[in-house]
Amino acid sequence: MVHVTTCNTDQKHDMLIDPSTVIATDQAVPTGRLLDGSSDHGYVEEWQEPAILPDGRQCYRMYLFDDDDITDEEGNHLDADCYPWDNDHVRRILLAD
């Protein structure tokens, strides 16, 4: 379960949702957000994937990846196609404006 938020932070909200029920509508793209010093400190990349909640609201599935997620055993950077695009890496659901 992950929090449904109105801002892209680790702020807690009453609404929790199983990310598997939030259906992607397009490809994920990197946000380029600086994560050091934020509530997401320790992660190296953030991606957002347009999606729709079960109630029809537009949102984004927000993925966070650390170095182990995006590099191979030799430390080489993986192509984004090889990232672990699974529900375990969805940190929050961000409501669209």
Protein backbone atom coordinates (compact mmCIF):
# COMPACT_ATOMS: atom_id res chain seq x y z
CA MET A 1 0.00 0.00 0.00
CA VAL A 2 1.19 3.51 -0.84
CA HIS A 3 -0.11 6.97 -0.01
CA VAL A 4 -2.12 9.04 -2.45
CA THR A 5 -0.76 12.58 -2.26
CA THR A 6 -1.36 16.02 -3.70
CA CYS A 7 2.32 16.97 -3.60
CA ASN A 8 5.44 15.03 -4.49
CA THR A 9 6.76 14.46 -0.99
CA ASP A 10 6.75 11.73 1.59
CA GLN A 11 3.92 13.47 3.40
CA LYS A 12 1.36 11.03 4.78
CA HIS A 13 -2.32 11.16 3.87
CA ASP A 14 -5.36 9.23 4.98
CA MET A 15 -5.83 7.56 1.61
CA LEU A 16 -3.77 4.45 0.97
CA ILE A 17 -4.04 2.37 -2.17
CA ASP A 18 -2.63 -0.82 -3.61
CA PRO A 19 -0.49 0.44 -6.53
CA SER A 20 -1.53 -2.56 -8.63
CA THR A 21 -5.04 -1.04 -8.84
CA VAL A 22 -3.68 2.20 -10.36
CA ILE A 23 -3.53 1.61 -14.10
CA ALA A 24 -0.78 3.19 -16.21
CA THR A 25 -1.98 5.13 -19.26
CA ASP A 26 1.39 6.03 -20.82
CA GLN A 27 5.13 5.46 -20.41
CA ALA A 28 7.09 6.63 -17.39
CA VAL A 29 9.47 9.57 -17.81
CA PRO A 30 12.26 10.79 -15.51
CA THR A 31 11.34 13.80 -13.40
CA GLY A 32 14.87 15.16 -13.00
CA ARG A 33 13.95 16.20 -9.45
CA LEU A 34 16.90 16.67 -7.09
CA LEU A 35 16.37 13.99 -4.44
CA ASP A 36 19.30 14.76 -2.11
CA GLY A 37 18.04 16.68 0.88
CA SER A 38 14.40 15.82 0.13
CA SER A 39 12.23 13.25 1.88
CA ASP A 40 13.39 10.88 -0.90
CA HIS A 41 17.08 11.28 -0.03
CA GLY A 42 19.03 8.10 -0.82
CA TYR A 43 17.30 7.41 -4.10
CA VAL A 44 19.08 8.41 -7.31
CA GLU A 45 16.27 8.54 -9.88
CA GLU A 46 12.58 9.37 -9.83
CA TRP A 47 10.19 8.58 -12.67
CA GLN A 48 6.52 9.43 -13.09
CA GLU A 49 4.06 7.33 -15.05
CA PRO A 50 0.68 8.78 -16.06
CA ALA A 51 -2.11 6.65 -14.64
CA ILE A 52 -5.71 6.55 -13.57
CA LEU A 53 -7.14 5.69 -10.16
CA PRO A 54 -9.98 3.16 -9.88
CA ASP A 55 -12.39 6.09 -9.33
CA GLY A 56 -11.31 7.70 -12.63
CA ARG A 57 -9.06 10.48 -11.31
CA GLN A 58 -5.87 11.22 -13.25
CA CYS A 59 -2.64 10.63 -11.35
CA TYR A 60 0.98 9.53 -11.60
CA ARG A 61 2.63 6.39 -10.32
CA MET A 62 5.86 7.75 -8.79
CA TYR A 63 8.81 5.34 -8.99
CA LEU A 64 12.00 5.75 -6.98
CA PHE A 65 15.16 3.82 -7.76
CA ASP A 66 18.42 3.51 -5.85
CA ASP A 67 21.84 2.63 -7.29
CA ASP A 68 21.28 -1.11 -6.90
CA ASP A 69 18.09 -0.89 -8.96
CA ILE A 70 19.66 0.82 -11.96
CA THR A 71 23.15 -0.69 -12.21
CA ASP A 72 24.36 -4.16 -13.09
CA GLU A 73 26.68 -6.33 -10.98
CA GLU A 74 29.71 -4.51 -12.41
CA GLY A 75 28.30 -1.05 -11.62
CA ASN A 76 27.35 -0.18 -15.19
CA HIS A 77 24.20 1.89 -15.64
CA LEU A 78 21.27 -0.14 -17.01
CA ASP A 79 19.01 0.95 -19.85
CA ALA A 80 15.71 2.19 -18.45
CA ASP A 81 13.97 -0.79 -20.12
CA CYS A 82 15.80 -3.01 -17.61
CA TYR A 83 14.72 -1.09 -14.49
CA PRO A 84 12.51 -2.95 -12.02
CA TRP A 85 9.15 -1.52 -13.15
CA ASP A 86 7.12 -3.18 -10.43
CA ASN A 87 4.74 -2.14 -7.69
CA ASP A 88 7.49 -2.49 -5.07
CA HIS A 89 9.21 0.55 -6.59
CA VAL A 90 6.11 2.77 -6.61
CA ARG A 91 6.71 5.12 -3.68
CA ARG A 92 3.47 7.13 -3.90
CA ILE A 93 0.56 8.04 -6.13
CA LEU A 94 0.57 11.72 -7.04
CA LEU A 95 -2.78 13.23 -7.99
CA ALA A 96 -2.71 15.20 -11.25
CA ASP A 97 -3.77 18.87 -11.19
